[in-house]
Amino acid sequence: MFKLYVYDHFPFCLNARVILGLHALPFELVILQNDDGATPKPIEGQNMLAIFDDERWVRGDSIDIVSFI
């Protein structure tokens, strides 16, 4: 199953959530706290969300996620 890591308040994360919803892809939504910079760093190497993780491909840019889907 896909995982999507997002900050609830961040508008770019909405792009990734919308595209997954439009394509009716099942995914686990992981909402991070506003000050949580420690979770995204080991995944993406930087403090950047949205992060899409399907265990083969990890990407932390909403435009890249939309293009991939």
Protein backbone atom coordinates (compact mmCIF):
# COMPACT_ATOMS: atom_id res chain seq x y z
CA MET A 1 0.00 0.00 0.00
CA PHE A 2 1.15 3.53 -0.73
CA LYS A 3 2.02 5.89 2.10
CA LEU A 4 1.63 9.62 1.78
CA TYR A 5 3.30 11.78 4.42
CA VAL A 6 1.83 15.28 4.67
CA TYR A 7 1.56 18.35 6.82
CA ASP A 8 -2.16 19.03 7.14
CA HIS A 9 -1.66 22.79 6.78
CA PHE A 10 0.64 22.72 3.74
CA PRO A 11 -1.17 23.49 0.44
CA PHE A 12 1.28 21.57 -1.79
CA CYS A 13 0.48 18.38 0.09
CA LEU A 14 -3.11 18.79 -1.07
CA ASN A 15 -2.02 18.27 -4.71
CA ALA A 16 -0.78 14.78 -3.90
CA ARG A 17 -3.87 13.92 -1.86
CA VAL A 18 -6.18 15.05 -4.66
CA ILE A 19 -4.46 13.07 -7.42
CA LEU A 20 -4.50 9.88 -5.35
CA GLY A 21 -8.18 10.44 -4.59
CA LEU A 22 -9.07 11.15 -8.22
CA HIS A 23 -7.49 7.88 -9.26
CA ALA A 24 -9.12 6.05 -6.33
CA LEU A 25 -5.76 4.63 -5.26
CA PRO A 26 -5.75 3.21 -1.74
CA PHE A 27 -3.13 4.85 0.42
CA GLU A 28 -2.23 5.33 4.03
CA LEU A 29 -2.27 8.99 4.99
CA VAL A 30 0.37 9.92 7.56
CA ILE A 31 -0.26 13.42 8.91
CA LEU A 32 2.78 14.94 10.60
CA GLN A 33 2.76 17.67 13.22
CA ASN A 34 3.75 21.16 12.09
CA ASP A 35 7.08 21.04 13.91
CA ASP A 36 8.00 17.46 12.91
CA GLY A 37 11.10 17.82 10.80
CA ALA A 38 12.70 14.61 12.02
CA THR A 39 10.34 12.20 10.21
CA PRO A 40 10.84 13.39 6.61
CA LYS A 41 14.64 13.71 6.79
CA PRO A 42 15.51 9.98 6.88
CA ILE A 43 12.95 9.25 4.16
CA GLU A 44 13.72 12.02 1.68
CA GLY A 45 17.01 13.40 3.00
CA GLN A 46 15.49 16.78 3.68
CA ASN A 47 12.56 18.37 5.45
CA MET A 48 10.20 18.34 2.48
CA LEU A 49 6.62 17.11 2.15
CA ALA A 50 4.50 15.64 0.61
CA ILE A 51 6.39 12.35 0.54
CA PHE A 52 5.00 9.48 -1.50
CA ASP A 53 6.36 6.07 -0.59
CA ASP A 54 5.36 2.86 -2.34
CA GLU A 55 8.41 0.88 -1.13
CA ARG A 56 10.05 1.15 -4.57
CA TRP A 57 9.85 4.84 -5.26
CA VAL A 58 10.06 7.64 -2.72
CA ARG A 59 9.58 11.22 -3.75
CA GLY A 60 9.14 14.39 -1.76
CA ASP A 61 7.79 16.87 -4.29
CA SER A 62 4.06 17.14 -4.95
CA ILE A 63 4.56 17.95 -8.66
CA ASP A 64 6.68 14.82 -9.11
CA ILE A 65 4.05 12.76 -7.28
CA VAL A 66 1.28 14.10 -9.53
CA SER A 67 3.40 13.37 -12.63
CA PHE A 68 4.18 9.85 -11.41
CA ILE A 69 0.52 8.99 -10.78
